[in-house]
PDB file of N, CA and C in Angstrom:
ATOM      1  N   MET A   1       0.844  -1.178   0.000  1.00  0.00           N
ATOM      2  CA  MET A   1       0.000   0.000   0.000  1.00  0.00           C
ATOM      3  C   MET A   1       0.887   1.237   0.000  1.00  0.00           C
ATOM      4  N   GLU A   2       0.347   2.311  -0.527  1.00  0.00           N
ATOM      5  CA  GLU A   2       1.081   3.574  -0.511  1.00  0.00           C
ATOM      6  C   GLU A   2       0.197   4.679   0.068  1.00  0.00           C
ATOM      7  N   PHE A   3       0.847   5.576   0.809  1.00  0.00           N
ATOM      8  CA  PHE A   3       0.147   6.709   1.404  1.00  0.00           C
ATOM      9  C   PHE A   3      -0.351   7.597   0.278  1.00  0.00           C
ATOM     10  N   SER A   4      -1.636   7.995   0.328  1.00  0.00           N
ATOM     11  CA  SER A   4      -2.180   8.732  -0.809  1.00  0.00           C
ATOM     12  C   SER A   4      -2.895  10.029  -0.470  1.00  0.00           C
ATOM     13  N   GLU A   5      -3.472  10.160   0.762  1.00  0.00           N
ATOM     14  CA  GLU A   5      -4.323  11.326   0.986  1.00  0.00           C
ATOM     15  C   GLU A   5      -4.475  11.637   2.473  1.00  0.00           C
ATOM     16  N   ILE A   6      -4.598  12.931   2.738  1.00  0.00           N
ATOM     17  CA  ILE A   6      -5.063  13.444   4.025  1.00  0.00           C
ATOM     18  C   ILE A   6      -6.303  14.258   3.694  1.00  0.00           C
ATOM     19  N   ALA A   7      -7.402  13.986   4.411  1.00  0.00           N
ATOM     20  CA  ALA A   7      -8.664  14.676   4.127  1.00  0.00           C
ATOM     21  C   ALA A   7      -9.118  15.451   5.361  1.00  0.00           C
ATOM     22  N   PHE A   8      -9.423  16.728   5.146  1.00  0.00           N
ATOM     23  CA  PHE A   8      -9.969  17.592   6.188  1.00  0.00           C
ATOM     24  C   PHE A   8     -11.355  18.049   5.759  1.00  0.00           C
ATOM     25  N   PHE A   9     -12.310  17.971   6.666  1.00  0.00           N
ATOM     26  CA  PHE A   9     -13.664  18.457   6.422  1.00  0.00           C
ATOM     27  C   PHE A   9     -13.860  19.726   7.243  1.00  0.00           C
ATOM     28  N   THR A  10     -14.478  20.729   6.628  1.00  0.00           N
ATOM     29  CA  THR A  10     -14.565  22.042   7.247  1.00  0.00           C
ATOM     30  C   THR A  10     -15.870  22.738   6.886  1.00  0.00           C
ATOM     31  N   ASN A  11     -16.241  23.705   7.695  1.00  0.00           N
ATOM     32  CA  ASN A  11     -17.393  24.552   7.383  1.00  0.00           C
ATOM     33  C   ASN A  11     -16.981  25.772   6.564  1.00  0.00           C
ATOM     34  N   ASP A  12     -15.662  25.976   6.383  1.00  0.00           N
ATOM     35  CA  ASP A  12     -15.166  27.141   5.656  1.00  0.00           C
ATOM     36  C   ASP A  12     -14.034  26.731   4.714  1.00  0.00           C
ATOM     37  N   VAL A  13     -14.415  26.188   3.553  1.00  0.00           N
ATOM     38  CA  VAL A  13     -13.431  25.710   2.574  1.00  0.00           C
ATOM     39  C   VAL A  13     -12.509  26.840   2.132  1.00  0.00           C
ATOM     40  N   LYS A  14     -13.059  28.028   1.901  1.00  0.00           N
ATOM     41  CA  LYS A  14     -12.246  29.145   1.436  1.00  0.00           C
ATOM     42  C   LYS A  14     -11.155  29.499   2.449  1.00  0.00           C
ATOM     43  N   LYS A  15     -11.513  29.583   3.704  1.00  0.00           N
ATOM     44  CA  LYS A  15     -10.546  29.929   4.751  1.00  0.00           C
ATOM     45  C   LYS A  15      -9.453  28.859   4.860  1.00  0.00           C
ATOM     46  N   MET A  16      -9.838  27.589   4.850  1.00  0.00           N
ATOM     47  CA  MET A  16      -8.851  26.504   4.923  1.00  0.00           C
ATOM     48  C   MET A  16      -7.967  26.489   3.679  1.00  0.00           C
ATOM     49  N   THR A  17      -8.569  26.696   2.509  1.00  0.00           N
ATOM     50  CA  THR A  17      -7.790  26.711   1.278  1.00  0.00           C
ATOM     51  C   THR A  17      -6.780  27.852   1.298  1.00  0.00           C
ATOM     52  N   ASP A  18      -7.208  29.032   1.712  1.00  0.00           N
ATOM     53  CA  ASP A  18      -6.293  30.175   1.797  1.00  0.00           C
ATOM     54  C   ASP A  18      -5.152  29.895   2.772  1.00  0.00           C
ATOM     55  N   TYR A  19      -5.472  29.273   3.903  1.00  0.00           N
ATOM     56  CA  TYR A  19      -4.448  28.946   4.896  1.00  0.00           C
ATOM     57  C   TYR A  19      -3.395  28.014   4.294  1.00  0.00           C
ATOM     58  N   TYR A  20      -3.836  26.910   3.676  1.00  0.00           N
ATOM     59  CA  TYR A  20      -2.887  25.948   3.122  1.00  0.00           C
ATOM     60  C   TYR A  20      -2.174  26.488   1.882  1.00  0.00           C
ATOM     61  N   ARG A  21      -2.791  27.391   1.169  1.00  0.00           N
ATOM     62  CA  ARG A  21      -2.112  28.056   0.052  1.00  0.00           C
ATOM     63  C   ARG A  21      -0.904  28.835   0.577  1.00  0.00           C
ATOM     64  N   ARG A  22      -1.111  29.573   1.673  1.00  0.00           N
ATOM     65  CA  ARG A  22       0.004  30.325   2.266  1.00  0.00           C
ATOM     66  C   ARG A  22       1.047  29.391   2.877  1.00  0.00           C
ATOM     67  N   LEU A  23       0.601  28.367   3.597  1.00  0.00           N
ATOM     68  CA  LEU A  23       1.520  27.430   4.241  1.00  0.00           C
ATOM     69  C   LEU A  23       2.387  26.703   3.221  1.00  0.00           C
ATOM     70  N   LEU A  24       1.773  26.220   2.154  1.00  0.00           N
ATOM     71  CA  LEU A  24       2.483  25.421   1.156  1.00  0.00           C
ATOM     72  C   LEU A  24       3.142  26.255   0.067  1.00  0.00           C
ATOM     73  N   GLY A  25       2.747  27.527  -0.036  1.00  0.00           N
ATOM     74  CA  GLY A  25       3.331  28.396  -1.054  1.00  0.00           C
ATOM     75  C   GLY A  25       2.906  28.033  -2.458  1.00  0.00           C
ATOM     76  N   LYS A  26       1.709  27.479  -2.590  1.00  0.00           N
ATOM     77  CA  LYS A  26       1.218  27.127  -3.925  1.00  0.00           C
ATOM     78  C   LYS A  26      -0.303  27.127  -3.921  1.00  0.00           C
ATOM     79  N   ALA A  27      -0.853  27.315  -5.109  1.00  0.00           N
ATOM     80  CA  ALA A  27      -2.308  27.258  -5.274  1.00  0.00           C
ATOM     81  C   ALA A  27      -2.748  25.798  -5.301  1.00  0.00           C
ATOM     82  N   PRO A  28      -4.004  25.531  -4.974  1.00  0.00           N
ATOM     83  CA  PRO A  28      -4.490  24.151  -5.086  1.00  0.00           C
ATOM     84  C   PRO A  28      -4.479  23.692  -6.536  1.00  0.00           C
ATOM     85  N   ASP A  29      -4.324  22.405  -6.724  1.00  0.00           N
ATOM     86  CA  ASP A  29      -4.341  21.828  -8.068  1.00  0.00           C
ATOM     87  C   ASP A  29      -5.753  21.828  -8.638  1.00  0.00           C
ATOM     88  N   VAL A  30      -6.739  21.673  -7.744  1.00  0.00           N
ATOM     89  CA  VAL A  30      -8.152  21.673  -8.105  1.00  0.00           C
ATOM     90  C   VAL A  30      -8.877  22.411  -6.993  1.00  0.00           C
ATOM     91  N   ALA A  31      -9.847  23.245  -7.350  1.00  0.00           N
ATOM     92  CA  ALA A  31     -10.603  23.949  -6.310  1.00  0.00           C
ATOM     93  C   ALA A  31     -11.950  24.401  -6.841  1.00  0.00           C
ATOM     94  N   ASP A  32     -12.940  24.359  -5.956  1.00  0.00           N
ATOM     95  CA  ASP A  32     -14.223  24.993  -6.199  1.00  0.00           C
ATOM     96  C   ASP A  32     -14.773  25.395  -4.835  1.00  0.00           C
ATOM     97  N   GLU A  33     -16.008  25.798  -4.755  1.00  0.00           N
ATOM     98  CA  GLU A  33     -16.535  26.304  -3.485  1.00  0.00           C
ATOM     99  C   GLU A  33     -16.691  25.217  -2.426  1.00  0.00           C
ATOM    100  N   ASP A  34     -16.720  23.941  -2.839  1.00  0.00           N
ATOM    101  CA  ASP A  34     -16.925  22.848  -1.889  1.00  0.00           C
ATOM    102  C   ASP A  34     -15.674  22.059  -1.545  1.00  0.00           C
ATOM    103  N   MET A  35     -14.585  22.262  -2.288  1.00  0.00           N
ATOM    104  CA  MET A  35     -13.382  21.485  -2.006  1.00  0.00           C
ATOM    105  C   MET A  35     -12.166  22.071  -2.704  1.00  0.00           C
ATOM    106  N   ALA A  36     -11.012  21.657  -2.192  1.00  0.00           N
ATOM    107  CA  ALA A  36      -9.734  22.003  -2.819  1.00  0.00           C
ATOM    108  C   ALA A  36      -8.806  20.814  -2.627  1.00  0.00           C
ATOM    109  N   ILE A  37      -7.931  20.601  -3.604  1.00  0.00           N
ATOM    110  CA  ILE A  37      -6.952  19.524  -3.507  1.00  0.00           C
ATOM    111  C   ILE A  37      -5.578  20.100  -3.817  1.00  0.00           C
ATOM    112  N   PHE A  38      -4.671  19.930  -2.874  1.00  0.00           N
ATOM    113  CA  PHE A  38      -3.264  20.255  -3.057  1.00  0.00           C
ATOM    114  C   PHE A  38      -2.527  18.929  -3.190  1.00  0.00           C
ATOM    115  N   THR A  39      -1.629  18.815  -4.159  1.00  0.00           N
ATOM    116  CA  THR A  39      -0.819  17.611  -4.290  1.00  0.00           C
ATOM    117  C   THR A  39       0.607  17.962  -3.895  1.00  0.00           C
ATOM    118  N   ILE A  40       1.119  17.222  -2.910  1.00  0.00           N
ATOM    119  CA  ILE A  40       2.451  17.465  -2.383  1.00  0.00           C
ATOM    120  C   ILE A  40       3.185  16.125  -2.366  1.00  0.00           C
ATOM    121  N   GLY A  41       4.224  16.004  -3.172  1.00  0.00           N
ATOM    122  CA  GLY A  41       5.002  14.773  -3.187  1.00  0.00           C
ATOM    123  C   GLY A  41       4.181  13.532  -3.488  1.00  0.00           C
ATOM    124  N   GLY A  42       3.190  13.663  -4.351  1.00  0.00           N
ATOM    125  CA  GLY A  42       2.357  12.529  -4.728  1.00  0.00           C
ATOM    126  C   GLY A  42       1.227  12.222  -3.757  1.00  0.00           C
ATOM    127  N   VAL A  43       1.116  13.003  -2.685  1.00  0.00           N
ATOM    128  CA  VAL A  43       0.047  12.821  -1.697  1.00  0.00           C
ATOM    129  C   VAL A  43      -0.930  13.981  -1.836  1.00  0.00           C
ATOM    130  N   SER A  44      -2.210  13.695  -1.789  1.00  0.00           N
ATOM    131  CA  SER A  44      -3.231  14.739  -1.893  1.00  0.00           C
ATOM    132  C   SER A  44      -3.643  15.227  -0.512  1.00  0.00           C
ATOM    133  N   LEU A  45      -3.743  16.526  -0.382  1.00  0.00           N
ATOM    134  CA  LEU A  45      -4.369  17.145   0.782  1.00  0.00           C
ATOM    135  C   LEU A  45      -5.724  17.622   0.288  1.00  0.00           C
ATOM    136  N   LEU A  46      -6.782  16.945   0.751  1.00  0.00           N
ATOM    137  CA  LEU A  46      -8.145  17.249   0.335  1.00  0.00           C
ATOM    138  C   LEU A  46      -8.811  18.082   1.412  1.00  0.00           C
ATOM    139  N   ILE A  47      -9.322  19.227   1.026  1.00  0.00           N
ATOM    140  CA  ILE A  47     -10.123  20.070   1.912  1.00  0.00           C
ATOM    141  C   ILE A  47     -11.531  20.011   1.349  1.00  0.00           C
ATOM    142  N   HIS A  48     -12.469  19.550   2.149  1.00  0.00           N
ATOM    143  CA  HIS A  48     -13.822  19.313   1.661  1.00  0.00           C
ATOM    144  C   HIS A  48     -14.824  19.927   2.619  1.00  0.00           C
ATOM    145  N   THR A  49     -15.896  20.458   2.078  1.00  0.00           N
ATOM    146  CA  THR A  49     -16.937  21.027   2.921  1.00  0.00           C
ATOM    147  C   THR A  49     -17.615  19.937   3.750  1.00  0.00           C
ATOM    148  N   ASN A  50     -17.981  20.279   4.975  1.00  0.00           N
ATOM    149  CA  ASN A  50     -18.794  19.366   5.777  1.00  0.00           C
ATOM    150  C   ASN A  50     -20.109  19.132   5.053  1.00  0.00           C
ATOM    151  N   TYR A  51     -20.706  18.005   5.269  1.00  0.00           N
ATOM    152  CA  TYR A  51     -21.984  17.699   4.644  1.00  0.00           C
ATOM    153  C   TYR A  51     -22.803  16.840   5.595  1.00  0.00           C
ATOM    154  N   THR A  52     -24.069  16.759   5.320  1.00  0.00           N
ATOM    155  CA  THR A  52     -24.952  15.881   6.073  1.00  0.00           C
ATOM    156  C   THR A  52     -24.829  14.496   5.477  1.00  0.00           C
ATOM    157  N   THR A  53     -24.674  13.510   6.334  1.00  0.00           N
ATOM    158  CA  THR A  53     -24.535  12.143   5.851  1.00  0.00           C
ATOM    159  C   THR A  53     -25.693  11.827   4.920  1.00  0.00           C
ATOM    160  N   GLY A  54     -25.337  11.391   3.734  1.00  0.00           N
ATOM    161  CA  GLY A  54     -26.367  11.120   2.728  1.00  0.00           C
ATOM    162  C   GLY A  54     -26.337   9.682   2.275  1.00  0.00           C
ATOM    163  N   GLY A  55     -26.423   9.512   0.984  1.00  0.00           N
ATOM    164  CA  GLY A  55     -26.519   8.189   0.393  1.00  0.00           C
ATOM    165  C   GLY A  55     -25.341   7.281   0.684  1.00  0.00           C
ATOM    166  N   SER A  56     -24.143   7.846   0.859  1.00  0.00           N
ATOM    167  CA  SER A  56     -22.981   7.000   1.111  1.00  0.00           C
ATOM    168  C   SER A  56     -23.015   6.408   2.508  1.00  0.00           C
ATOM    169  N   GLY A  57     -23.724   7.083   3.431  1.00  0.00           N
ATOM    170  CA  GLY A  57     -23.762   6.622   4.809  1.00  0.00           C
ATOM    171  C   GLY A  57     -22.536   6.979   5.610  1.00  0.00           C
ATOM    172  N   LEU A  58     -21.580   7.648   4.977  1.00  0.00           N
ATOM    173  CA  LEU A  58     -20.351   8.019   5.670  1.00  0.00           C
ATOM    174  C   LEU A  58     -20.442   9.460   6.153  1.00  0.00           C
ATOM    175  N   ALA A  59     -20.142   9.663   7.425  1.00  0.00           N
ATOM    176  CA  ALA A  59     -20.112  11.015   7.970  1.00  0.00           C
ATOM    177  C   ALA A  59     -18.818  11.696   7.539  1.00  0.00           C
ATOM    178  N   PRO A  60     -18.842  13.018   7.373  1.00  0.00           N
ATOM    179  CA  PRO A  60     -17.609  13.725   7.036  1.00  0.00           C
ATOM    180  C   PRO A  60     -16.663  13.695   8.242  1.00  0.00           C
ATOM    181  N   GLU A  61     -15.553  13.043   8.100  1.00  0.00           N
ATOM    182  CA  GLU A  61     -14.613  12.896   9.208  1.00  0.00           C
ATOM    183  C   GLU A  61     -13.190  12.973   8.670  1.00  0.00           C
ATOM    184  N   ASN A  62     -12.365  13.799   9.314  1.00  0.00           N
ATOM    185  CA  ASN A  62     -10.967  13.888   8.919  1.00  0.00           C
ATOM    186  C   ASN A  62     -10.363  12.484   8.935  1.00  0.00           C
ATOM    187  N   HIS A  63      -9.527  12.198   7.932  1.00  0.00           N
ATOM    188  CA  HIS A  63      -8.897  10.887   7.850  1.00  0.00           C
ATOM    189  C   HIS A  63      -7.682  10.938   6.942  1.00  0.00           C
ATOM    190  N   PHE A  64      -6.945   9.850   6.930  1.00  0.00           N
ATOM    191  CA  PHE A  64      -5.878   9.703   5.954  1.00  0.00           C
ATOM    192  C   PHE A  64      -6.125   8.419   5.192  1.00  0.00           C
ATOM    193  N   ALA A  65      -5.485   8.302   4.022  1.00  0.00           N
ATOM    194  CA  ALA A  65      -5.809   7.188   3.125  1.00  0.00           C
ATOM    195  C   ALA A  65      -4.558   6.549   2.542  1.00  0.00           C
ATOM    196  N   PHE A  66      -4.712   5.260   2.268  1.00  0.00           N
ATOM    197  CA  PHE A  66      -3.691   4.477   1.577  1.00  0.00           C
ATOM    198  C   PHE A  66      -4.347   3.832   0.362  1.00  0.00           C
ATOM    199  N   LYS A  67      -3.561   3.664  -0.708  1.00  0.00           N
ATOM    200  CA  LYS A  67      -4.059   2.994  -1.909  1.00  0.00           C
ATOM    201  C   LYS A  67      -3.459   1.598  -1.993  1.00  0.00           C
ATOM    202  N   ALA A  68      -4.280   0.658  -2.435  1.00  0.00           N
ATOM    203  CA  ALA A  68      -3.851  -0.722  -2.630  1.00  0.00           C
ATOM    204  C   ALA A  68      -4.121  -1.133  -4.069  1.00  0.00           C
ATOM    205  N   ASN A  69      -3.250  -1.960  -4.622  1.00  0.00           N
ATOM    206  CA  ASN A  69      -3.471  -2.465  -5.981  1.00  0.00           C
ATOM    207  C   ASN A  69      -4.733  -3.311  -6.042  1.00  0.00           C
ATOM    208  N   ASP A  70      -4.954  -4.143  -5.029  1.00  0.00           N
ATOM    209  CA  ASP A  70      -6.128  -5.011  -4.963  1.00  0.00           C
ATOM    210  C   ASP A  70      -6.767  -4.797  -3.598  1.00  0.00           C
ATOM    211  N   LEU A  71      -7.751  -3.932  -3.534  1.00  0.00           N
ATOM    212  CA  LEU A  71      -8.366  -3.542  -2.263  1.00  0.00           C
ATOM    213  C   LEU A  71      -8.961  -4.741  -1.528  1.00  0.00           C
ATOM    214  N   ASP A  72      -9.682  -5.585  -2.230  1.00  0.00           N
ATOM    215  CA  ASP A  72     -10.324  -6.731  -1.579  1.00  0.00           C
ATOM    216  C   ASP A  72      -9.287  -7.666  -0.962  1.00  0.00           C
ATOM    217  N   ALA A  73      -8.222  -7.938  -1.686  1.00  0.00           N
ATOM    218  CA  ALA A  73      -7.172  -8.822  -1.169  1.00  0.00           C
ATOM    219  C   ALA A  73      -6.459  -8.173   0.023  1.00  0.00           C
ATOM    220  N   ALA A  74      -6.188  -6.871  -0.074  1.00  0.00           N
ATOM    221  CA  ALA A  74      -5.524  -6.167   1.029  1.00  0.00           C
ATOM    222  C   ALA A  74      -6.391  -6.203   2.282  1.00  0.00           C
ATOM    223  N   CYS A  75      -7.688  -5.988   2.130  1.00  0.00           N
ATOM    224  CA  CYS A  75      -8.602  -6.016   3.284  1.00  0.00           C
ATOM    225  C   CYS A  75      -8.684  -7.413   3.877  1.00  0.00           C
ATOM    226  N   ALA A  76      -8.746  -8.430   3.034  1.00  0.00           N
ATOM    227  CA  ALA A  76      -8.787  -9.810   3.521  1.00  0.00           C
ATOM    228  C   ALA A  76      -7.536 -10.122   4.330  1.00  0.00           C
ATOM    229  N   GLN A  77      -6.393  -9.663   3.860  1.00  0.00           N
ATOM    230  CA  GLN A  77      -5.139  -9.891   4.577  1.00  0.00           C
ATOM    231  C   GLN A  77      -5.145  -9.176   5.925  1.00  0.00           C
ATOM    232  N   LEU A  78      -5.648  -7.947   5.965  1.00  0.00           N
ATOM    233  CA  LEU A  78      -5.706  -7.205   7.224  1.00  0.00           C
ATOM    234  C   LEU A  78      -6.625  -7.895   8.231  1.00  0.00           C
ATOM    235  N   VAL A  79      -7.748  -8.399   7.765  1.00  0.00           N
ATOM    236  CA  VAL A  79      -8.679  -9.126   8.645  1.00  0.00           C
ATOM    237  C   VAL A  79      -8.007 -10.399   9.167  1.00  0.00           C
ATOM    238  N   GLU A  80      -7.281 -11.099   8.293  1.00  0.00           N
ATOM    239  CA  GLU A  80      -6.541 -12.300   8.716  1.00  0.00           C
ATOM    240  C   GLU A  80      -5.524 -11.967   9.797  1.00  0.00           C
ATOM    241  N   GLN A  81      -4.994 -10.744   9.762  1.00  0.00           N
ATOM    242  CA  GLN A  81      -4.001 -10.308  10.743  1.00  0.00           C
ATOM    243  C   GLN A  81      -4.652  -9.773  12.022  1.00  0.00           C
ATOM    244  N   GLY A  82      -5.981  -9.819  12.093  1.00  0.00           N
ATOM    245  CA  GLY A  82      -6.678  -9.434  13.307  1.00  0.00           C
ATOM    246  C   GLY A  82      -7.224  -8.022  13.340  1.00  0.00           C
ATOM    247  N   LEU A  83      -7.130  -7.299  12.234  1.00  0.00           N
ATOM    248  CA  LEU A  83      -7.693  -5.949  12.192  1.00  0.00           C
ATOM    249  C   LEU A  83      -9.167  -6.028  11.788  1.00  0.00           C
ATOM    250  N   SER A  84      -9.934  -5.046  12.216  1.00  0.00           N
ATOM    251  CA  SER A  84     -11.366  -5.020  11.920  1.00  0.00           C
ATOM    252  C   SER A  84     -11.688  -3.876  10.967  1.00  0.00           C
ATOM    253  N   LEU A  85     -12.475  -4.173   9.969  1.00  0.00           N
ATOM    254  CA  LEU A  85     -12.939  -3.142   9.042  1.00  0.00           C
ATOM    255  C   LEU A  85     -14.227  -2.539   9.581  1.00  0.00           C
ATOM    256  N   GLU A  86     -14.300  -1.218   9.560  1.00  0.00           N
ATOM    257  CA  GLU A  86     -15.539  -0.529   9.944  1.00  0.00           C
ATOM    258  C   GLU A  86     -16.510  -0.508   8.772  1.00  0.00           C
ATOM    259  N   VAL A  87     -15.959  -0.332   7.571  1.00  0.00           N
ATOM    260  CA  VAL A  87     -16.742  -0.380   6.330  1.00  0.00           C
ATOM    261  C   VAL A  87     -15.975  -1.300   5.384  1.00  0.00           C
ATOM    262  N   THR A  88     -16.596  -2.393   4.983  1.00  0.00           N
ATOM    263  CA  THR A  88     -15.958  -3.329   4.064  1.00  0.00           C
ATOM    264  C   THR A  88     -15.861  -2.700   2.670  1.00  0.00           C
ATOM    265  N   PRO A  89     -15.016  -3.239   1.800  1.00  0.00           N
ATOM    266  CA  PRO A  89     -14.845  -2.652   0.469  1.00  0.00           C
ATOM    267  C   PRO A  89     -16.171  -2.531  -0.276  1.00  0.00           C
ATOM    268  N   ARG A  90     -16.381  -1.329  -0.813  1.00  0.00           N
ATOM    269  CA  ARG A  90     -17.571  -1.099  -1.637  1.00  0.00           C
ATOM    270  C   ARG A  90     -17.331   0.099  -2.535  1.00  0.00           C
ATOM    271  N   ASP A  91     -18.200   0.252  -3.519  1.00  0.00           N
ATOM    272  CA  ASP A  91     -18.081   1.337  -4.484  1.00  0.00           C
ATOM    273  C   ASP A  91     -18.805   2.577  -3.985  1.00  0.00           C
ATOM    274  N   PHE A  92     -18.110   3.710  -4.062  1.00  0.00           N
ATOM    275  CA  PHE A  92     -18.651   5.025  -3.728  1.00  0.00           C
ATOM    276  C   PHE A  92     -18.552   5.902  -4.967  1.00  0.00           C
ATOM    277  N   ASP A  93     -19.075   7.125  -4.886  1.00  0.00           N
ATOM    278  CA  ASP A  93     -18.971   8.072  -6.008  1.00  0.00           C
ATOM    279  C   ASP A  93     -17.512   8.329  -6.390  1.00  0.00           C
ATOM    280  N   TRP A  94     -16.609   8.321  -5.424  1.00  0.00           N
ATOM    281  CA  TRP A  94     -15.206   8.649  -5.650  1.00  0.00           C
ATOM    282  C   TRP A  94     -14.358   7.425  -5.960  1.00  0.00           C
ATOM    283  N   GLY A  95     -14.926   6.217  -5.928  1.00  0.00           N
ATOM    284  CA  GLY A  95     -14.167   5.006  -6.219  1.00  0.00           C
ATOM    285  C   GLY A  95     -14.445   3.920  -5.201  1.00  0.00           C
ATOM    286  N   ARG A  96     -13.654   2.882  -5.245  1.00  0.00           N
ATOM    287  CA  ARG A  96     -13.819   1.735  -4.340  1.00  0.00           C
ATOM    288  C   ARG A  96     -12.964   1.956  -3.097  1.00  0.00           C
ATOM    289  N   SER A  97     -13.599   1.891  -1.918  1.00  0.00           N
ATOM    290  CA  SER A  97     -12.904   2.149  -0.662  1.00  0.00           C
ATOM    291  C   SER A  97     -13.412   1.244   0.452  1.00  0.00           C
ATOM    292  N   ALA A  98     -12.594   1.143   1.493  1.00  0.00           N
ATOM    293  CA  ALA A  98     -12.951   0.478   2.749  1.00  0.00           C
ATOM    294  C   ALA A  98     -12.403   1.363   3.869  1.00  0.00           C
ATOM    295  N   TYR A  99     -12.922   1.176   5.090  1.00  0.00           N
ATOM    296  CA  TYR A  99     -12.505   2.033   6.200  1.00  0.00           C
ATOM    297  C   TYR A  99     -12.268   1.207   7.456  1.00  0.00           C
ATOM    298  N   LEU A 100     -11.278   1.623   8.227  1.00  0.00           N
ATOM    299  CA  LEU A 100     -10.997   1.043   9.527  1.00  0.00           C
ATOM    300  C   LEU A 100     -10.465   2.137  10.438  1.00  0.00           C
ATOM    301  N   ARG A 101     -10.242   1.804  11.694  1.00  0.00           N
ATOM    302  CA  ARG A 101      -9.727   2.775  12.664  1.00  0.00           C
ATOM    303  C   ARG A 101      -8.469   2.224  13.320  1.00  0.00           C
ATOM    304  N   ASP A 102      -7.542   3.142  13.608  1.00  0.00           N
ATOM    305  CA  ASP A 102      -6.351   2.731  14.344  1.00  0.00           C
ATOM    306  C   ASP A 102      -6.697   2.641  15.839  1.00  0.00           C
ATOM    307  N   PRO A 103      -5.779   2.185  16.690  1.00  0.00           N
ATOM    308  CA  PRO A 103      -6.097   2.021  18.112  1.00  0.00           C
ATOM    309  C   PRO A 103      -6.541   3.305  18.813  1.00  0.00           C
ATOM    310  N   ASP A 104      -6.163   4.472  18.297  1.00  0.00           N
ATOM    311  CA  ASP A 104      -6.591   5.740  18.896  1.00  0.00           C
ATOM    312  C   ASP A 104      -7.883   6.271  18.284  1.00  0.00           C
ATOM    313  N   GLY A 105      -8.475   5.542  17.356  1.00  0.00           N
ATOM    314  CA  GLY A 105      -9.760   5.926  16.790  1.00  0.00           C
ATOM    315  C   GLY A 105      -9.700   6.763  15.525  1.00  0.00           C
ATOM    316  N   GLN A 106      -8.490   7.026  14.989  1.00  0.00           N
ATOM    317  CA  GLN A 106      -8.394   7.784  13.737  1.00  0.00           C
ATOM    318  C   GLN A 106      -8.925   6.939  12.586  1.00  0.00           C
ATOM    319  N   LEU A 107      -9.711   7.572  11.736  1.00  0.00           N
ATOM    320  CA  LEU A 107     -10.275   6.894  10.579  1.00  0.00           C
ATOM    321  C   LEU A 107      -9.218   6.760   9.483  1.00  0.00           C
ATOM    322  N   ILE A 108      -9.161   5.574   8.889  1.00  0.00           N
ATOM    323  CA  ILE A 108      -8.228   5.278   7.798  1.00  0.00           C
ATOM    324  C   ILE A 108      -9.047   4.778   6.618  1.00  0.00           C
ATOM    325  N   GLU A 109      -8.830   5.381   5.480  1.00  0.00           N
ATOM    326  CA  GLU A 109      -9.471   4.925   4.248  1.00  0.00           C
ATOM    327  C   GLU A 109      -8.464   4.079   3.474  1.00  0.00           C
ATOM    328  N   LEU A 110      -8.923   2.973   2.948  1.00  0.00           N
ATOM    329  CA  LEU A 110      -8.138   2.169   2.007  1.00  0.00           C
ATOM    330  C   LEU A 110      -8.876   2.247   0.690  1.00  0.00           C
ATOM    331  N   SER A 111      -8.163   2.575  -0.372  1.00  0.00           N
ATOM    332  CA  SER A 111      -8.825   2.715  -1.665  1.00  0.00           C
ATOM    333  C   SER A 111      -8.118   1.909  -2.731  1.00  0.00           C
ATOM    334  N   GLN A 112      -8.858   1.621  -3.777  1.00  0.00           N
ATOM    335  CA  GLN A 112      -8.315   0.868  -4.914  1.00  0.00           C
ATOM    336  C   GLN A 112      -7.499   1.798  -5.781  1.00  0.00           C
ATOM    337  N   LYS A 113      -6.319   1.367  -6.181  1.00  0.00           N
ATOM    338  CA  LYS A 113      -5.478   2.155  -7.080  1.00  0.00           C
ATOM    339  C   LYS A 113      -6.135   2.279  -8.431  1.00  0.00           C
TER     340      LYS A 113
END
């Protein structure tokens, strides 16, 4: 797996985007009123507007993500190693993902490459 994304959810996308623009010294690679994406060293920093949990069933929650070549196989291996998936692999609007939590409760997304 490779580290791929840090996602922040906010009520003020413009303010967060302006902050990270100054911090990183660059404009976002993609931006609109609901989100911005900065790419740094092959990793995306996603700033996304908070939303009401809808069809995906996922609440907007800050998280980080890793990409796997074969998401289903990677998840099966993690379960075999004793880890628990909070959301098993499934298709979302943004692609195929699964979710789990580390021992401190941080949300981790695993996505298909």
